[in-house]
């Protein structure tokens, strides 16, 4: 994959196109239509098409929602990307080994993914805080 070069930070670049292809591949793997995924994310079918074609960049929060709905960890969308192309090193390059992240645990639990997707759809910060308080109360 070519190095990340983008004079316009809002325009999708090679890495964004790579992520878009991974979204489409995983959606196909779980036998979900574009319309079904768009509905689960609360976006239009056309917006999802733009994401999957790499026309529009996918924000971190949206990518997290997509990973939850498609049942993979967010890291799935970056598998095969060489950090050295961007002047970076990965944890494994530093000898630290791969660690299980909380995002992977959430993505593996269908109930947790439903909760995260529903939570992400709450627009009001006050209502999000109330949802957090309710879940904490139920957990006690």
N, C-alpha and C. Protein backbone atom coordinates (compact mmCIF):
# COMPACT_ATOMS: atom_id res chain seq x y z
N UNK A 1 0.85 -1.17 0.00
CA UNK A 1 0.00 0.00 0.00
C UNK A 1 0.89 1.23 0.00
N UNK A 2 0.59 2.25 -0.81
CA UNK A 2 1.42 3.45 -0.88
C UNK A 2 1.38 4.23 0.43
N UNK A 3 2.40 5.06 0.59
CA UNK A 3 2.49 5.90 1.79
C UNK A 3 1.32 6.87 1.82
N UNK A 4 0.95 7.29 3.01
CA UNK A 4 -0.17 8.20 3.20
C UNK A 4 0.26 9.62 2.84
N UNK A 5 -0.27 10.12 1.76
CA UNK A 5 -0.02 11.49 1.35
C UNK A 5 -1.36 12.12 1.06
N UNK A 6 -1.64 13.24 1.73
CA UNK A 6 -2.93 13.87 1.55
C UNK A 6 -2.80 15.35 1.88
N UNK A 7 -2.89 16.19 0.87
CA UNK A 7 -2.79 17.62 1.10
C UNK A 7 -4.08 18.17 1.72
N UNK A 8 -5.19 17.49 1.51
CA UNK A 8 -6.46 17.88 2.09
C UNK A 8 -6.84 16.86 3.16
N UNK A 9 -6.74 17.22 4.44
CA UNK A 9 -7.01 16.25 5.51
C UNK A 9 -8.44 15.74 5.55
N UNK A 10 -9.37 16.41 4.88
CA UNK A 10 -10.76 15.97 4.88
C UNK A 10 -11.03 14.99 3.74
N UNK A 11 -10.15 14.91 2.76
CA UNK A 11 -10.35 14.03 1.62
C UNK A 11 -9.78 12.64 1.92
N UNK A 12 -10.49 11.63 1.50
CA UNK A 12 -10.05 10.25 1.73
C UNK A 12 -8.75 10.00 0.98
N UNK A 13 -7.83 9.24 1.62
CA UNK A 13 -6.56 8.90 1.00
C UNK A 13 -6.44 7.38 0.90
N UNK A 14 -5.24 6.88 0.59
CA UNK A 14 -5.06 5.44 0.37
C UNK A 14 -5.43 4.61 1.59
N UNK A 15 -5.08 5.07 2.78
CA UNK A 15 -5.44 4.31 3.98
C UNK A 15 -6.96 4.29 4.17
N UNK A 16 -7.61 5.41 3.91
CA UNK A 16 -9.07 5.46 4.00
C UNK A 16 -9.72 4.49 3.02
N UNK A 17 -9.17 4.40 1.81
CA UNK A 17 -9.70 3.46 0.81
C UNK A 17 -9.49 2.01 1.27
N UNK A 18 -8.34 1.74 1.89
CA UNK A 18 -8.05 0.41 2.41
C UNK A 18 -9.08 0.03 3.47
N UNK A 19 -9.34 0.94 4.41
CA UNK A 19 -10.33 0.70 5.46
C UNK A 19 -11.71 0.48 4.84
N UNK A 20 -12.06 1.28 3.84
CA UNK A 20 -13.35 1.14 3.17
C UNK A 20 -13.51 -0.24 2.56
N UNK A 21 -12.45 -0.75 1.94
CA UNK A 21 -12.50 -2.09 1.35
C UNK A 21 -12.71 -3.15 2.43
N UNK A 22 -12.06 -2.96 3.58
CA UNK A 22 -12.21 -3.92 4.68
C UNK A 22 -13.64 -3.90 5.23
N UNK A 23 -14.25 -2.71 5.28
CA UNK A 23 -15.65 -2.62 5.73
C UNK A 23 -16.53 -3.42 4.79
N UNK A 24 -16.37 -3.19 3.49
CA UNK A 24 -17.18 -3.91 2.50
C UNK A 24 -16.95 -5.42 2.59
N UNK A 25 -15.69 -5.82 2.74
CA UNK A 25 -15.35 -7.25 2.81
C UNK A 25 -16.01 -7.91 4.03
N UNK A 26 -15.95 -7.25 5.18
CA UNK A 26 -16.55 -7.84 6.39
C UNK A 26 -18.07 -7.84 6.30
N UNK A 27 -18.65 -6.79 5.73
CA UNK A 27 -20.10 -6.76 5.56
C UNK A 27 -20.55 -7.93 4.69
N UNK A 28 -19.81 -8.17 3.62
CA UNK A 28 -20.13 -9.31 2.75
C UNK A 28 -19.93 -10.64 3.50
N UNK A 29 -18.90 -10.71 4.32
CA UNK A 29 -18.59 -11.95 5.05
C UNK A 29 -19.70 -12.33 6.02
N UNK A 30 -20.36 -11.33 6.60
CA UNK A 30 -21.45 -11.62 7.54
C UNK A 30 -22.81 -11.61 6.83
N UNK A 31 -22.77 -11.57 5.49
CA UNK A 31 -23.97 -11.65 4.66
C UNK A 31 -24.99 -10.56 5.03
N UNK A 32 -24.50 -9.32 5.10
CA UNK A 32 -25.34 -8.18 5.42
C UNK A 32 -25.38 -7.25 4.21
N UNK A 33 -26.55 -6.74 3.90
CA UNK A 33 -26.66 -5.81 2.79
C UNK A 33 -26.22 -4.42 3.22
N UNK A 34 -25.95 -3.57 2.24
CA UNK A 34 -25.60 -2.18 2.56
C UNK A 34 -26.77 -1.51 3.28
N UNK A 35 -27.97 -1.79 2.87
CA UNK A 35 -29.13 -1.20 3.50
C UNK A 35 -29.24 -1.62 4.97
N UNK A 36 -29.00 -2.90 5.25
CA UNK A 36 -29.08 -3.39 6.63
C UNK A 36 -28.03 -2.72 7.51
N UNK A 37 -26.80 -2.61 7.00
CA UNK A 37 -25.75 -1.97 7.79
C UNK A 37 -26.05 -0.49 7.99
N UNK A 38 -26.51 0.16 6.95
CA UNK A 38 -26.86 1.59 7.07
C UNK A 38 -27.94 1.80 8.13
N UNK A 39 -28.96 0.95 8.12
CA UNK A 39 -30.04 1.06 9.12
C UNK A 39 -29.50 0.83 10.52
N UNK A 40 -28.63 -0.16 10.69
CA UNK A 40 -28.06 -0.45 12.01
C UNK A 40 -27.23 0.72 12.53
N UNK A 41 -26.63 1.47 11.61
CA UNK A 41 -25.79 2.61 11.99
C UNK A 41 -26.58 3.91 12.08
N UNK A 42 -27.82 3.88 11.61
CA UNK A 42 -28.63 5.09 11.63
C UNK A 42 -28.20 6.12 10.60
N UNK A 43 -27.69 5.63 9.46
CA UNK A 43 -27.27 6.52 8.39
C UNK A 43 -27.99 6.12 7.10
N UNK A 44 -27.86 6.95 6.09
CA UNK A 44 -28.52 6.62 4.82
C UNK A 44 -27.71 5.57 4.05
N UNK A 45 -28.42 4.88 3.20
CA UNK A 45 -27.81 3.90 2.30
C UNK A 45 -26.72 4.58 1.47
N UNK A 46 -27.00 5.80 1.00
CA UNK A 46 -26.05 6.53 0.17
C UNK A 46 -24.78 6.87 0.95
N UNK A 47 -24.93 7.22 2.23
CA UNK A 47 -23.74 7.53 3.04
C UNK A 47 -22.87 6.29 3.21
N UNK A 48 -23.49 5.15 3.43
CA UNK A 48 -22.72 3.92 3.56
C UNK A 48 -22.00 3.62 2.25
N UNK A 49 -22.67 3.84 1.12
CA UNK A 49 -22.01 3.62 -0.17
C UNK A 49 -20.77 4.51 -0.29
N UNK A 50 -20.88 5.74 0.14
CA UNK A 50 -19.73 6.67 0.08
C UNK A 50 -18.60 6.17 0.97
N UNK A 51 -18.94 5.66 2.15
CA UNK A 51 -17.92 5.09 3.03
C UNK A 51 -17.22 3.92 2.35
N UNK A 52 -18.02 2.99 1.79
CA UNK A 52 -17.46 1.78 1.21
C UNK A 52 -16.67 2.03 -0.08
N UNK A 53 -16.97 3.09 -0.76
CA UNK A 53 -16.19 3.44 -1.96
C UNK A 53 -14.98 4.29 -1.61
N UNK A 54 -14.90 4.73 -0.36
CA UNK A 54 -13.78 5.57 0.05
C UNK A 54 -13.93 7.01 -0.38
N UNK A 55 -15.14 7.39 -0.77
CA UNK A 55 -15.39 8.79 -1.15
C UNK A 55 -15.38 9.66 0.10
N UNK A 56 -16.03 9.20 1.15
CA UNK A 56 -16.05 9.90 2.44
C UNK A 56 -15.21 9.14 3.45
N UNK A 57 -14.48 9.88 4.26
CA UNK A 57 -13.68 9.26 5.33
C UNK A 57 -14.61 8.76 6.43
N UNK A 58 -14.19 7.72 7.12
CA UNK A 58 -14.96 7.16 8.22
C UNK A 58 -14.32 7.65 9.52
N UNK A 59 -15.10 8.33 10.34
CA UNK A 59 -14.58 8.83 11.62
C UNK A 59 -14.29 7.66 12.56
N UNK A 60 -13.51 7.92 13.58
CA UNK A 60 -13.17 6.88 14.55
C UNK A 60 -14.43 6.34 15.24
N UNK A 61 -15.33 7.24 15.61
CA UNK A 61 -16.54 6.78 16.30
C UNK A 61 -17.41 5.94 15.38
N UNK A 62 -17.51 6.34 14.12
CA UNK A 62 -18.31 5.57 13.17
C UNK A 62 -17.65 4.22 12.89
N UNK A 63 -16.32 4.20 12.80
CA UNK A 63 -15.61 2.94 12.57
C UNK A 63 -15.83 1.99 13.75
N UNK A 64 -15.87 2.54 14.95
CA UNK A 64 -16.15 1.71 16.12
C UNK A 64 -17.55 1.13 16.04
N UNK A 65 -18.53 1.95 15.65
CA UNK A 65 -19.90 1.46 15.49
C UNK A 65 -19.95 0.35 14.44
N UNK A 66 -19.28 0.58 13.32
CA UNK A 66 -19.26 -0.42 12.25
C UNK A 66 -18.65 -1.72 12.76
N UNK A 67 -17.55 -1.62 13.53
CA UNK A 67 -16.91 -2.83 14.04
C UNK A 67 -17.84 -3.60 14.96
N UNK A 68 -18.60 -2.88 15.77
CA UNK A 68 -19.55 -3.54 16.67
C UNK A 68 -20.65 -4.25 15.89
N UNK A 69 -21.22 -3.58 14.91
CA UNK A 69 -22.31 -4.17 14.13
C UNK A 69 -21.82 -5.37 13.33
N UNK A 70 -20.59 -5.28 12.80
CA UNK A 70 -20.07 -6.37 11.97
C UNK A 70 -19.36 -7.47 12.78
N UNK A 71 -19.25 -7.28 14.10
CA UNK A 71 -18.72 -8.32 14.96
C UNK A 71 -17.22 -8.51 14.89
N UNK A 72 -16.49 -7.45 14.64
CA UNK A 72 -15.03 -7.51 14.64
C UNK A 72 -14.50 -6.37 15.50
N UNK A 73 -13.26 -6.50 15.93
CA UNK A 73 -12.62 -5.40 16.64
C UNK A 73 -12.20 -4.33 15.65
N UNK A 74 -12.08 -3.09 16.08
CA UNK A 74 -11.67 -2.01 15.18
C UNK A 74 -10.34 -2.28 14.50
N UNK A 75 -9.48 -3.04 15.15
CA UNK A 75 -8.17 -3.34 14.56
C UNK A 75 -8.29 -4.15 13.27
N UNK A 76 -9.41 -4.85 13.09
CA UNK A 76 -9.63 -5.63 11.87
C UNK A 76 -9.46 -4.76 10.62
N UNK A 77 -9.93 -3.54 10.70
CA UNK A 77 -9.93 -2.68 9.53
C UNK A 77 -8.54 -2.19 9.13
N UNK A 78 -7.56 -2.45 10.00
CA UNK A 78 -6.19 -2.01 9.72
C UNK A 78 -5.23 -3.18 9.53
N UNK A 79 -5.76 -4.42 9.57
CA UNK A 79 -4.91 -5.58 9.37
C UNK A 79 -4.27 -5.51 7.99
N UNK A 80 -2.96 -5.69 7.97
CA UNK A 80 -2.23 -5.63 6.71
C UNK A 80 -1.60 -4.28 6.43
N UNK A 81 -1.89 -3.29 7.27
CA UNK A 81 -1.28 -1.98 7.10
C UNK A 81 0.09 -1.99 7.76
N UNK A 82 1.09 -1.51 7.06
CA UNK A 82 2.45 -1.45 7.58
C UNK A 82 2.69 -0.09 8.21
N UNK A 83 2.77 0.00 9.56
CA UNK A 83 2.97 1.29 10.22
C UNK A 83 4.24 2.02 9.77
N UNK A 84 5.23 1.26 9.32
CA UNK A 84 6.48 1.90 8.91
C UNK A 84 6.27 2.79 7.68
N UNK A 85 5.19 2.56 6.92
CA UNK A 85 4.89 3.42 5.77
C UNK A 85 4.56 4.84 6.22
N UNK A 86 4.24 4.98 7.49
CA UNK A 86 3.86 6.28 8.03
C UNK A 86 4.89 6.77 9.06
N UNK A 87 6.06 6.15 9.05
CA UNK A 87 7.11 6.56 9.98
C UNK A 87 6.84 6.13 11.40
N UNK A 88 6.03 5.09 11.58
CA UNK A 88 5.65 4.61 12.91
C UNK A 88 6.16 3.20 13.13
N UNK A 89 6.17 2.78 14.38
CA UNK A 89 6.48 1.39 14.69
C UNK A 89 5.31 0.81 15.45
N UNK A 90 5.10 -0.48 15.32
CA UNK A 90 4.00 -1.13 16.02
C UNK A 90 4.51 -1.70 17.34
N UNK A 91 3.60 -2.07 18.22
CA UNK A 91 4.00 -2.67 19.49
C UNK A 91 4.85 -3.91 19.27
N UNK A 92 4.46 -4.72 18.29
CA UNK A 92 5.21 -5.95 18.05
C UNK A 92 6.62 -5.62 17.56
N UNK A 93 6.80 -4.49 16.85
CA UNK A 93 8.13 -4.07 16.43
C UNK A 93 9.00 -3.72 17.64
N UNK A 94 8.37 -3.30 18.73
CA UNK A 94 9.11 -2.93 19.94
C UNK A 94 9.22 -4.10 20.91
N UNK A 95 8.73 -5.28 20.51
CA UNK A 95 8.85 -6.47 21.33
C UNK A 95 7.84 -6.57 22.44
N UNK A 96 6.75 -5.81 22.38
CA UNK A 96 5.77 -5.82 23.46
C UNK A 96 4.68 -6.86 23.28
N UNK A 97 4.55 -7.44 22.09
CA UNK A 97 3.52 -8.45 21.86
C UNK A 97 2.13 -7.85 21.77
N UNK A 98 1.22 -8.62 21.21
CA UNK A 98 -0.16 -8.15 21.05
C UNK A 98 -0.90 -8.29 22.37
N UNK A 99 -1.68 -7.27 22.71
CA UNK A 99 -2.48 -7.31 23.94
C UNK A 99 -3.95 -7.25 23.56
N UNK A 100 -4.76 -7.98 24.33
CA UNK A 100 -6.19 -7.96 24.09
C UNK A 100 -6.75 -6.63 24.56
N UNK A 101 -7.50 -5.95 23.69
CA UNK A 101 -8.06 -4.66 24.06
C UNK A 101 -9.51 -4.81 24.49
N UNK A 102 -9.97 -3.83 25.22
CA UNK A 102 -11.37 -3.85 25.65
C UNK A 102 -12.30 -3.77 24.44
N UNK A 103 -11.85 -3.10 23.38
CA UNK A 103 -12.67 -3.01 22.17
C UNK A 103 -12.88 -4.38 21.55
N UNK A 104 -11.87 -5.22 21.57
CA UNK A 104 -12.02 -6.57 21.04
C UNK A 104 -13.00 -7.38 21.89
N UNK A 105 -12.94 -7.20 23.19
CA UNK A 105 -13.86 -7.92 24.07
C UNK A 105 -15.30 -7.49 23.82
N UNK A 106 -15.50 -6.19 23.63
CA UNK A 106 -16.84 -5.68 23.35
C UNK A 106 -17.34 -6.24 22.03
N UNK A 107 -16.48 -6.22 21.02
CA UNK A 107 -16.89 -6.67 19.70
C UNK A 107 -17.24 -8.15 19.67
N UNK A 108 -16.71 -8.93 20.61
CA UNK A 108 -16.97 -10.37 20.64
C UNK A 108 -18.24 -10.72 21.40
N UNK A 109 -18.83 -9.77 22.11
CA UNK A 109 -20.02 -10.03 22.90
C UNK A 109 -21.23 -9.37 22.24
N UNK A 110 -22.15 -10.14 21.70
CA UNK A 110 -23.30 -9.55 20.99
C UNK A 110 -24.10 -8.58 21.85
N UNK A 111 -24.28 -8.88 23.12
CA UNK A 111 -25.03 -7.97 23.99
C UNK A 111 -24.28 -6.66 24.16
N UNK A 112 -22.98 -6.73 24.32
CA UNK A 112 -22.18 -5.52 24.49
C UNK A 112 -22.18 -4.68 23.22
N UNK A 113 -22.12 -5.35 22.08
CA UNK A 113 -22.13 -4.59 20.83
C UNK A 113 -23.47 -3.88 20.64
N UNK A 114 -24.56 -4.55 21.00
CA UNK A 114 -25.88 -3.91 20.92
C UNK A 114 -25.92 -2.68 21.82
N UNK A 115 -25.38 -2.82 23.01
CA UNK A 115 -25.37 -1.71 23.96
C UNK A 115 -24.54 -0.55 23.43
N UNK A 116 -23.37 -0.84 22.88
CA UNK A 116 -22.49 0.21 22.36
C UNK A 116 -23.14 0.92 21.17
N UNK A 117 -23.75 0.17 20.27
CA UNK A 117 -24.40 0.77 19.10
C UNK A 117 -25.55 1.66 19.55
N UNK A 118 -26.37 1.17 20.48
CA UNK A 118 -27.49 1.96 20.97
C UNK A 118 -26.98 3.21 21.70
N UNK A 119 -25.94 3.06 22.49
CA UNK A 119 -25.37 4.20 23.21
C UNK A 119 -24.83 5.24 22.24
N UNK A 120 -24.16 4.80 21.21
CA UNK A 120 -23.59 5.73 20.23
C UNK A 120 -24.66 6.51 19.50
N UNK A 121 -25.87 5.97 19.44
CA UNK A 121 -26.96 6.65 18.74
C UNK A 121 -27.60 7.75 19.59
N UNK A 122 -27.28 7.80 20.87
CA UNK A 122 -27.84 8.84 21.75
C UNK A 122 -27.11 10.15 21.45
N UNK A 123 -27.86 11.14 21.03
CA UNK A 123 -27.25 12.42 20.63
C UNK A 123 -26.97 13.35 21.82
N UNK A 124 -27.82 13.33 22.79
CA UNK A 124 -27.72 14.26 23.91
C UNK A 124 -26.67 13.80 24.93
N UNK A 125 -25.69 14.66 25.25
CA UNK A 125 -24.70 14.30 26.27
C UNK A 125 -25.34 14.00 27.63
N UNK A 126 -26.41 14.73 27.96
CA UNK A 126 -27.10 14.49 29.24
C UNK A 126 -27.74 13.10 29.26
N UNK A 127 -28.37 12.74 28.13
CA UNK A 127 -29.00 11.42 28.05
C UNK A 127 -27.95 10.31 28.04
N UNK A 128 -26.81 10.56 27.41
CA UNK A 128 -25.73 9.56 27.43
C UNK A 128 -25.26 9.34 28.87
N UNK A 129 -25.12 10.43 29.63
CA UNK A 129 -24.69 10.29 31.03
C UNK A 129 -25.74 9.53 31.84
N UNK A 130 -27.01 9.79 31.58
CA UNK A 130 -28.07 9.06 32.28
C UNK A 130 -28.01 7.58 31.95
N UNK A 131 -27.71 7.25 30.68
CA UNK A 131 -27.58 5.85 30.28
C UNK A 131 -26.42 5.19 31.02
N UNK A 132 -25.30 5.89 31.13
CA UNK A 132 -24.14 5.37 31.86
C UNK A 132 -24.51 5.12 33.31
N UNK A 133 -25.19 6.11 33.92
CA UNK A 133 -25.60 5.97 35.33
C UNK A 133 -26.54 4.77 35.50
N UNK A 134 -27.48 4.59 34.58
CA UNK A 134 -28.42 3.47 34.66
C UNK A 134 -27.68 2.13 34.56
N UNK A 135 -26.77 2.01 33.61
CA UNK A 135 -26.05 0.75 33.45
C UNK A 135 -25.20 0.47 34.69
N UNK A 136 -24.56 1.48 35.23
CA UNK A 136 -23.78 1.29 36.47
C UNK A 136 -24.68 0.85 37.62
N UNK A 137 -25.86 1.44 37.71
CA UNK A 137 -26.80 1.06 38.76
C UNK A 137 -27.24 -0.39 38.60
N UNK A 138 -27.53 -0.79 37.38
CA UNK A 138 -27.93 -2.17 37.11
C UNK A 138 -26.80 -3.16 37.37
N UNK A 139 -25.57 -2.73 37.18
CA UNK A 139 -24.42 -3.61 37.38
C UNK A 139 -24.13 -3.87 38.86
N UNK A 140 -24.60 -2.97 39.71
CA UNK A 140 -24.33 -3.14 41.16
C UNK A 140 -25.16 -4.22 41.79
